[in-house]
All heavy atoms as atom14 arrays in JSON, in Angstrom:
{
  "sequence": "SVVLLAVVFLASDPATIDLQNAVQANLGVVFEKADH",
  "atom14_mask": [
    [1, 1, 1, 1, 1, 1, 0, 0, 0, 0, 0, 0, 0, 0],
    [1, 1, 1, 1, 1, 1, 1, 0, 0, 0, 0, 0, 0, 0],
    [1, 1, 1, 1, 1, 1, 1, 0, 0, 0, 0, 0, 0, 0],
    [1, 1, 1, 1, 1, 1, 1, 1, 0, 0, 0, 0, 0, 0],
    [1, 1, 1, 1, 1, 1, 1, 1, 0, 0, 0, 0, 0, 0],
    [1, 1, 1, 1, 1, 0, 0, 0, 0, 0, 0, 0, 0, 0],
    [1, 1, 1, 1, 1, 1, 1, 0, 0, 0, 0, 0, 0, 0],
    [1, 1, 1, 1, 1, 1, 1, 0, 0, 0, 0, 0, 0, 0],
    [1, 1, 1, 1, 1, 1, 1, 1, 1, 1, 1, 0, 0, 0],
    [1, 1, 1, 1, 1, 1, 1, 1, 0, 0, 0, 0, 0, 0],
    [1, 1, 1, 1, 1, 0, 0, 0, 0, 0, 0, 0, 0, 0],
    [1, 1, 1, 1, 1, 1, 0, 0, 0, 0, 0, 0, 0, 0],
    [1, 1, 1, 1, 1, 1, 1, 1, 0, 0, 0, 0, 0, 0],
    [1, 1, 1, 1, 1, 1, 1, 0, 0, 0, 0, 0, 0, 0],
    [1, 1, 1, 1, 1, 0, 0, 0, 0, 0, 0, 0, 0, 0],
    [1, 1, 1, 1, 1, 1, 1, 0, 0, 0, 0, 0, 0, 0],
    [1, 1, 1, 1, 1, 1, 1, 1, 0, 0, 0, 0, 0, 0],
    [1, 1, 1, 1, 1, 1, 1, 1, 0, 0, 0, 0, 0, 0],
    [1, 1, 1, 1, 1, 1, 1, 1, 0, 0, 0, 0, 0, 0],
    [1, 1, 1, 1, 1, 1, 1, 1, 1, 0, 0, 0, 0, 0],
    [1, 1, 1, 1, 1, 1, 1, 1, 0, 0, 0, 0, 0, 0],
    [1, 1, 1, 1, 1, 0, 0, 0, 0, 0, 0, 0, 0, 0],
    [1, 1, 1, 1, 1, 1, 1, 0, 0, 0, 0, 0, 0, 0],
    [1, 1, 1, 1, 1, 1, 1, 1, 1, 0, 0, 0, 0, 0],
    [1, 1, 1, 1, 1, 0, 0, 0, 0, 0, 0, 0, 0, 0],
    [1, 1, 1, 1, 1, 1, 1, 1, 0, 0, 0, 0, 0, 0],
    [1, 1, 1, 1, 1, 1, 1, 1, 0, 0, 0, 0, 0, 0],
    [1, 1, 1, 1, 0, 0, 0, 0, 0, 0, 0, 0, 0, 0],
    [1, 1, 1, 1, 1, 1, 1, 0, 0, 0, 0, 0, 0, 0],
    [1, 1, 1, 1, 1, 1, 1, 0, 0, 0, 0, 0, 0, 0],
    [1, 1, 1, 1, 1, 1, 1, 1, 1, 1, 1, 0, 0, 0],
    [1, 1, 1, 1, 1, 1, 1, 1, 1, 0, 0, 0, 0, 0],
    [1, 1, 1, 1, 1, 1, 1, 1, 1, 0, 0, 0, 0, 0],
    [1, 1, 1, 1, 1, 0, 0, 0, 0, 0, 0, 0, 0, 0],
    [1, 1, 1, 1, 1, 1, 1, 1, 0, 0, 0, 0, 0, 0],
    [1, 1, 1, 1, 1, 1, 1, 1, 1, 1, 0, 0, 0, 0]
  ],
  "atom14_positions": [
    [[0.04, 5.19, -11.44], [-1.37, 5.33, -11.24], [-2.18, 4.11, -11.53], [-3.22, 3.84, -10.95], [-1.86, 6.52, -12.1], [-1.33, 7.69, -11.67], [0.0, 0.0, 0.0], [0.0, 0.0, 0.0], [0.0, 0.0, 0.0], [0.0, 0.0, 0.0], [0.0, 0.0, 0.0], [0.0, 0.0, 0.0], [0.0, 0.0, 0.0], [0.0, 0.0, 0.0]],
    [[-1.58, 3.35, -12.64], [-2.37, 2.13, -13.12], [-2.4, 1.2, -11.89], [-3.4, 0.47, -11.5], [-1.9, 1.49, -14.42], [-2.26, 0.03, -14.57], [-2.11, 2.5, -15.52], [0.0, 0.0, 0.0], [0.0, 0.0, 0.0], [0.0, 0.0, 0.0], [0.0, 0.0, 0.0], [0.0, 0.0, 0.0], [0.0, 0.0, 0.0], [0.0, 0.0, 0.0]],
    [[-1.19, 1.05, -11.25], [-1.04, 0.13, -10.08], [-1.82, 0.56, -9.01], [-2.5, -0.22, -8.34], [0.4, -0.02, -9.75], [0.64, -0.89, -8.5], [1.19, -0.64, -10.86], [0.0, 0.0, 0.0], [0.0, 0.0, 0.0], [0.0, 0.0, 0.0], [0.0, 0.0, 0.0], [0.0, 0.0, 0.0], [0.0, 0.0, 0.0], [0.0, 0.0, 0.0]],
    [[-1.8, 1.91, -8.67], [-2.59, 2.48, -7.53], [-4.0, 2.29, -7.68], [-4.83, 1.83, -6.67], [-2.29, 3.94, -7.37], [-3.16, 4.7, -6.44], [-2.89, 4.28, -4.95], [-2.81, 6.23, -6.42], [0.0, 0.0, 0.0], [0.0, 0.0, 0.0], [0.0, 0.0, 0.0], [0.0, 0.0, 0.0], [0.0, 0.0, 0.0], [0.0, 0.0, 0.0]],
    [[-4.58, 2.56, -8.93], [-6.02, 2.19, -9.12], [-6.29, 0.75, -8.94], [-7.44, 0.44, -8.54], [-6.44, 2.75, -10.57], [-6.32, 4.3, -10.67], [-6.63, 4.6, -12.15], [-7.31, 4.95, -9.74], [0.0, 0.0, 0.0], [0.0, 0.0, 0.0], [0.0, 0.0, 0.0], [0.0, 0.0, 0.0], [0.0, 0.0, 0.0], [0.0, 0.0, 0.0]],
    [[-5.41, -0.17, -9.45], [-5.69, -1.54, -9.36], [-5.85, -1.84, -7.77], [-6.76, -2.71, -7.34], [-4.6, -2.37, -9.97], [0.0, 0.0, 0.0], [0.0, 0.0, 0.0], [0.0, 0.0, 0.0], [0.0, 0.0, 0.0], [0.0, 0.0, 0.0], [0.0, 0.0, 0.0], [0.0, 0.0, 0.0], [0.0, 0.0, 0.0], [0.0, 0.0, 0.0]],
    [[-4.99, -1.31, -6.98], [-5.03, -1.62, -5.68], [-6.2, -1.12, -4.86], [-6.87, -1.71, -4.13], [-3.78, -0.94, -4.8], [-3.89, -1.07, -3.33], [-2.45, -1.65, -5.21], [0.0, 0.0, 0.0], [0.0, 0.0, 0.0], [0.0, 0.0, 0.0], [0.0, 0.0, 0.0], [0.0, 0.0, 0.0], [0.0, 0.0, 0.0], [0.0, 0.0, 0.0]],
    [[-6.6, 0.17, -5.26], [-7.76, 0.78, -4.7], [-9.12, -0.01, -5.08], [-9.89, -0.1, -4.24], [-7.85, 2.35, -5.15], [-9.13, 2.79, -4.79], [-6.78, 3.01, -4.59], [0.0, 0.0, 0.0], [0.0, 0.0, 0.0], [0.0, 0.0, 0.0], [0.0, 0.0, 0.0], [0.0, 0.0, 0.0], [0.0, 0.0, 0.0], [0.0, 0.0, 0.0]],
    [[-9.21, -0.34, -6.35], [-10.49, -1.08, -6.75], [-10.5, -2.6, -6.25], [-11.5, -3.18, -6.16], [-10.57, -0.94, -8.23], [-11.22, 0.34, -8.74], [-10.36, 1.36, -9.14], [-12.54, 0.47, -8.6], [-10.86, 2.45, -9.52], [-13.15, 1.76, -9.0], [-12.22, 2.85, -9.37], [0.0, 0.0, 0.0], [0.0, 0.0, 0.0], [0.0, 0.0, 0.0]],
    [[-9.23, -3.23, -6.01], [-9.23, -4.68, -5.7], [-9.35, -4.83, -4.26], [-9.57, -5.91, -3.73], [-7.96, -5.36, -6.33], [-8.01, -5.43, -7.78], [-6.71, -6.09, -8.25], [-9.18, -6.33, -8.32], [0.0, 0.0, 0.0], [0.0, 0.0, 0.0], [0.0, 0.0, 0.0], [0.0, 0.0, 0.0], [0.0, 0.0, 0.0], [0.0, 0.0, 0.0]],
    [[-9.02, -3.84, -3.4], [-9.02, -3.83, -1.87], [-10.36, -4.1, -1.43], [-11.39, -3.55, -1.83], [-8.4, -2.64, -1.33], [0.0, 0.0, 0.0], [0.0, 0.0, 0.0], [0.0, 0.0, 0.0], [0.0, 0.0, 0.0], [0.0, 0.0, 0.0], [0.0, 0.0, 0.0], [0.0, 0.0, 0.0], [0.0, 0.0, 0.0], [0.0, 0.0, 0.0]],
    [[-10.51, -5.02, -0.49], [-11.75, -5.31, 0.09], [-12.33, -4.24, 0.94], [-13.51, -3.91, 1.04], [-11.7, -6.61, 0.96], [-10.8, -6.31, 1.99], [0.0, 0.0, 0.0], [0.0, 0.0, 0.0], [0.0, 0.0, 0.0], [0.0, 0.0, 0.0], [0.0, 0.0, 0.0], [0.0, 0.0, 0.0], [0.0, 0.0, 0.0], [0.0, 0.0, 0.0]],
    [[-11.42, -3.41, 1.56], [-11.84, -2.24, 2.23], [-10.9, -1.1, 1.94], [-9.86, -0.97, 2.56], [-11.77, -2.46, 3.93], [-12.18, -1.34, 4.61], [-12.71, -0.42, 4.13], [-12.09, -1.38, 5.84], [0.0, 0.0, 0.0], [0.0, 0.0, 0.0], [0.0, 0.0, 0.0], [0.0, 0.0, 0.0], [0.0, 0.0, 0.0], [0.0, 0.0, 0.0]],
    [[-11.25, -0.35, 0.9], [-10.39, 0.82, 0.48], [-9.91, 1.73, 1.59], [-8.83, 2.35, 1.37], [-11.12, 1.46, -0.62], [-12.14, 0.37, -1.05], [-12.38, -0.41, 0.19], [0.0, 0.0, 0.0], [0.0, 0.0, 0.0], [0.0, 0.0, 0.0], [0.0, 0.0, 0.0], [0.0, 0.0, 0.0], [0.0, 0.0, 0.0], [0.0, 0.0, 0.0]],
    [[-10.8, 1.94, 2.52], [-10.59, 2.91, 3.63], [-9.26, 2.52, 4.54], [-8.65, 3.45, 5.09], [-11.74, 3.04, 4.65], [0.0, 0.0, 0.0], [0.0, 0.0, 0.0], [0.0, 0.0, 0.0], [0.0, 0.0, 0.0], [0.0, 0.0, 0.0], [0.0, 0.0, 0.0], [0.0, 0.0, 0.0], [0.0, 0.0, 0.0], [0.0, 0.0, 0.0]],
    [[-8.91, 1.27, 4.31], [-7.68, 0.78, 5.15], [-6.36, 0.98, 4.4], [-5.37, 0.77, 5.0], [-7.78, -0.59, 5.58], [-7.89, -1.42, 4.4], [-9.04, -0.8, 6.41], [0.0, 0.0, 0.0], [0.0, 0.0, 0.0], [0.0, 0.0, 0.0], [0.0, 0.0, 0.0], [0.0, 0.0, 0.0], [0.0, 0.0, 0.0], [0.0, 0.0, 0.0]],
    [[-6.44, 1.47, 3.18], [-5.27, 1.46, 2.32], [-4.42, 2.68, 2.78], [-4.8, 3.8, 3.06], [-5.59, 1.75, 0.84], [-6.35, 0.51, 0.29], [-4.42, 2.01, -0.01], [-6.94, 0.79, -1.14], [0.0, 0.0, 0.0], [0.0, 0.0, 0.0], [0.0, 0.0, 0.0], [0.0, 0.0, 0.0], [0.0, 0.0, 0.0], [0.0, 0.0, 0.0]],
    [[-3.07, 2.36, 2.96], [-2.06, 3.36, 3.32], [-1.61, 3.92, 2.13], [-0.82, 3.34, 1.36], [-0.96, 2.72, 4.12], [0.1, 3.74, 4.45], [-0.05, 4.92, 4.19], [1.13, 3.37, 4.96], [0.0, 0.0, 0.0], [0.0, 0.0, 0.0], [0.0, 0.0, 0.0], [0.0, 0.0, 0.0], [0.0, 0.0, 0.0], [0.0, 0.0, 0.0]],
    [[-1.91, 5.16, 1.72], [-1.59, 5.65, 0.38], [-0.11, 5.95, 0.24], [0.42, 5.96, -0.98], [-2.32, 7.09, 0.19], [-3.81, 7.03, -0.12], [-4.41, 8.42, -0.36], [-4.0, 6.34, -1.52], [0.0, 0.0, 0.0], [0.0, 0.0, 0.0], [0.0, 0.0, 0.0], [0.0, 0.0, 0.0], [0.0, 0.0, 0.0], [0.0, 0.0, 0.0]],
    [[0.61, 6.19, 1.36], [2.09, 6.23, 1.24], [2.74, 5.03, 0.79], [3.96, 5.03, 0.42], [2.67, 6.76, 2.6], [2.0, 7.99, 3.1], [2.45, 9.12, 2.24], [3.63, 9.21, 1.71], [1.65, 10.09, 2.03], [0.0, 0.0, 0.0], [0.0, 0.0, 0.0], [0.0, 0.0, 0.0], [0.0, 0.0, 0.0], [0.0, 0.0, 0.0]],
    [[2.14, 3.88, 0.98], [2.66, 2.68, 0.48], [1.73, 1.72, -0.21], [1.75, 0.5, -0.22], [3.17, 1.8, 1.89], [4.14, 2.39, 2.54], [5.36, 2.57, 2.13], [3.91, 3.07, 3.7], [0.0, 0.0, 0.0], [0.0, 0.0, 0.0], [0.0, 0.0, 0.0], [0.0, 0.0, 0.0], [0.0, 0.0, 0.0], [0.0, 0.0, 0.0]],
    [[0.8, 2.42, -0.96], [-0.14, 1.58, -1.73], [0.54, 0.82, -2.9], [0.14, -0.29, -3.18], [-1.25, 2.51, -2.14], [0.0, 0.0, 0.0], [0.0, 0.0, 0.0], [0.0, 0.0, 0.0], [0.0, 0.0, 0.0], [0.0, 0.0, 0.0], [0.0, 0.0, 0.0], [0.0, 0.0, 0.0], [0.0, 0.0, 0.0], [0.0, 0.0, 0.0]],
    [[1.4, 1.57, -3.52], [2.23, 0.72, -4.59], [3.49, 0.07, -3.97], [4.5, 0.87, -3.87], [2.56, 1.91, -5.71], [3.28, 1.12, -6.88], [1.33, 2.58, -6.23], [0.0, 0.0, 0.0], [0.0, 0.0, 0.0], [0.0, 0.0, 0.0], [0.0, 0.0, 0.0], [0.0, 0.0, 0.0], [0.0, 0.0, 0.0], [0.0, 0.0, 0.0]],
    [[3.37, -1.04, -3.48], [4.47, -1.6, -2.76], [5.41, -2.22, -3.72], [5.58, -3.5, -3.8], [3.86, -2.6, -1.77], [3.07, -1.94, -0.56], [2.52, -2.84, 0.36], [2.71, -4.14, 0.29], [1.87, -2.33, 1.45], [0.0, 0.0, 0.0], [0.0, 0.0, 0.0], [0.0, 0.0, 0.0], [0.0, 0.0, 0.0], [0.0, 0.0, 0.0]],
    [[6.26, -1.48, -4.3], [7.3, -1.99, -5.24], [8.66, -1.57, -4.61], [9.55, -1.32, -5.23], [7.22, -1.4, -6.66], [0.0, 0.0, 0.0], [0.0, 0.0, 0.0], [0.0, 0.0, 0.0], [0.0, 0.0, 0.0], [0.0, 0.0, 0.0], [0.0, 0.0, 0.0], [0.0, 0.0, 0.0], [0.0, 0.0, 0.0], [0.0, 0.0, 0.0]],
    [[8.75, -1.57, -3.25], [9.93, -1.16, -2.54], [10.21, -2.09, -1.32], [9.38, -2.85, -1.1], [9.9, 0.36, -2.04], [8.61, 0.54, -1.22], [8.52, 0.09, -0.13], [7.63, 1.29, -1.78], [0.0, 0.0, 0.0], [0.0, 0.0, 0.0], [0.0, 0.0, 0.0], [0.0, 0.0, 0.0], [0.0, 0.0, 0.0], [0.0, 0.0, 0.0]],
    [[11.3, -1.82, -0.67], [11.65, -2.63, 0.5], [11.22, -2.12, 1.67], [11.58, -2.63, 2.82], [13.27, -2.81, 0.61], [14.01, -3.35, -0.54], [15.48, -3.36, -0.43], [13.45, -4.81, -0.78], [0.0, 0.0, 0.0], [0.0, 0.0, 0.0], [0.0, 0.0, 0.0], [0.0, 0.0, 0.0], [0.0, 0.0, 0.0], [0.0, 0.0, 0.0]],
    [[10.21, -1.05, 1.71], [9.69, -0.68, 3.02], [8.9, -1.6, 3.63], [8.67, -1.56, 4.95], [0.0, 0.0, 0.0], [0.0, 0.0, 0.0], [0.0, 0.0, 0.0], [0.0, 0.0, 0.0], [0.0, 0.0, 0.0], [0.0, 0.0, 0.0], [0.0, 0.0, 0.0], [0.0, 0.0, 0.0], [0.0, 0.0, 0.0], [0.0, 0.0, 0.0]],
    [[8.23, -2.54, 2.86], [7.37, -3.44, 3.46], [8.14, -4.49, 4.35], [7.55, -5.24, 5.16], [6.62, -4.28, 2.47], [5.73, -3.35, 1.66], [7.6, -4.99, 1.33], [0.0, 0.0, 0.0], [0.0, 0.0, 0.0], [0.0, 0.0, 0.0], [0.0, 0.0, 0.0], [0.0, 0.0, 0.0], [0.0, 0.0, 0.0], [0.0, 0.0, 0.0]],
    [[9.46, -4.53, 4.3], [10.36, -5.44, 5.0], [10.38, -5.06, 6.51], [10.45, -5.86, 7.42], [11.77, -5.64, 4.49], [12.6, -6.49, 5.3], [11.59, -6.16, 3.11], [0.0, 0.0, 0.0], [0.0, 0.0, 0.0], [0.0, 0.0, 0.0], [0.0, 0.0, 0.0], [0.0, 0.0, 0.0], [0.0, 0.0, 0.0], [0.0, 0.0, 0.0]],
    [[10.31, -3.66, 6.79], [10.45, -3.16, 8.02], [9.34, -2.57, 8.61], [8.57, -1.63, 7.89], [11.69, -2.08, 7.97], [12.87, -2.63, 7.4], [13.2, -2.26, 6.19], [13.77, -3.41, 8.25], [14.51, -2.68, 5.71], [14.95, -3.93, 7.76], [15.34, -3.57, 6.42], [0.0, 0.0, 0.0], [0.0, 0.0, 0.0], [0.0, 0.0, 0.0]],
    [[8.84, -2.77, 9.82], [7.73, -2.2, 10.43], [7.99, -0.68, 10.73], [9.03, -0.35, 11.31], [7.3, -2.89, 11.69], [6.53, -4.24, 11.5], [5.24, -4.1, 10.94], [4.61, -2.95, 11.06], [4.82, -5.15, 10.3], [0.0, 0.0, 0.0], [0.0, 0.0, 0.0], [0.0, 0.0, 0.0], [0.0, 0.0, 0.0], [0.0, 0.0, 0.0]],
    [[7.12, 0.24, 10.36], [7.46, 1.53, 10.46], [7.58, 2.06, 11.95], [8.35, 2.81, 12.38], [6.31, 2.48, 9.77], [6.59, 3.91, 9.77], [5.42, 4.69, 8.88], [5.8, 6.23, 8.98], [4.82, 6.87, 8.21], [0.0, 0.0, 0.0], [0.0, 0.0, 0.0], [0.0, 0.0, 0.0], [0.0, 0.0, 0.0], [0.0, 0.0, 0.0]],
    [[6.65, 1.42, 12.76], [6.69, 1.7, 14.12], [7.98, 1.26, 14.79], [8.52, 1.87, 15.72], [5.43, 1.19, 14.96], [0.0, 0.0, 0.0], [0.0, 0.0, 0.0], [0.0, 0.0, 0.0], [0.0, 0.0, 0.0], [0.0, 0.0, 0.0], [0.0, 0.0, 0.0], [0.0, 0.0, 0.0], [0.0, 0.0, 0.0], [0.0, 0.0, 0.0]],
    [[8.5, 0.06, 14.51], [9.62, -0.46, 15.15], [10.99, 0.01, 14.54], [12.01, 0.16, 15.21], [9.68, -1.95, 15.04], [8.3, -2.55, 15.85], [7.89, -1.89, 16.83], [7.82, -3.65, 15.31], [0.0, 0.0, 0.0], [0.0, 0.0, 0.0], [0.0, 0.0, 0.0], [0.0, 0.0, 0.0], [0.0, 0.0, 0.0], [0.0, 0.0, 0.0]],
    [[10.99, 0.21, 13.24], [12.22, 0.58, 12.52], [11.93, 1.66, 11.69], [11.95, 1.67, 10.42], [12.9, -0.56, 11.83], [13.01, -1.84, 12.69], [14.03, -2.0, 13.58], [12.34, -3.07, 12.64], [14.04, -3.08, 14.1], [12.95, -3.82, 13.68], [0.0, 0.0, 0.0], [0.0, 0.0, 0.0], [0.0, 0.0, 0.0], [0.0, 0.0, 0.0]]
  ]
}
């Protein structure tokens, strides 16, 4: 939650945040969801 709140408050446009991947501490960012 601490990381999530930091992302939400530091984002220039919070409306564009993908809540499913807001805390990006995983390898999901390596692969595009639409392509893979």
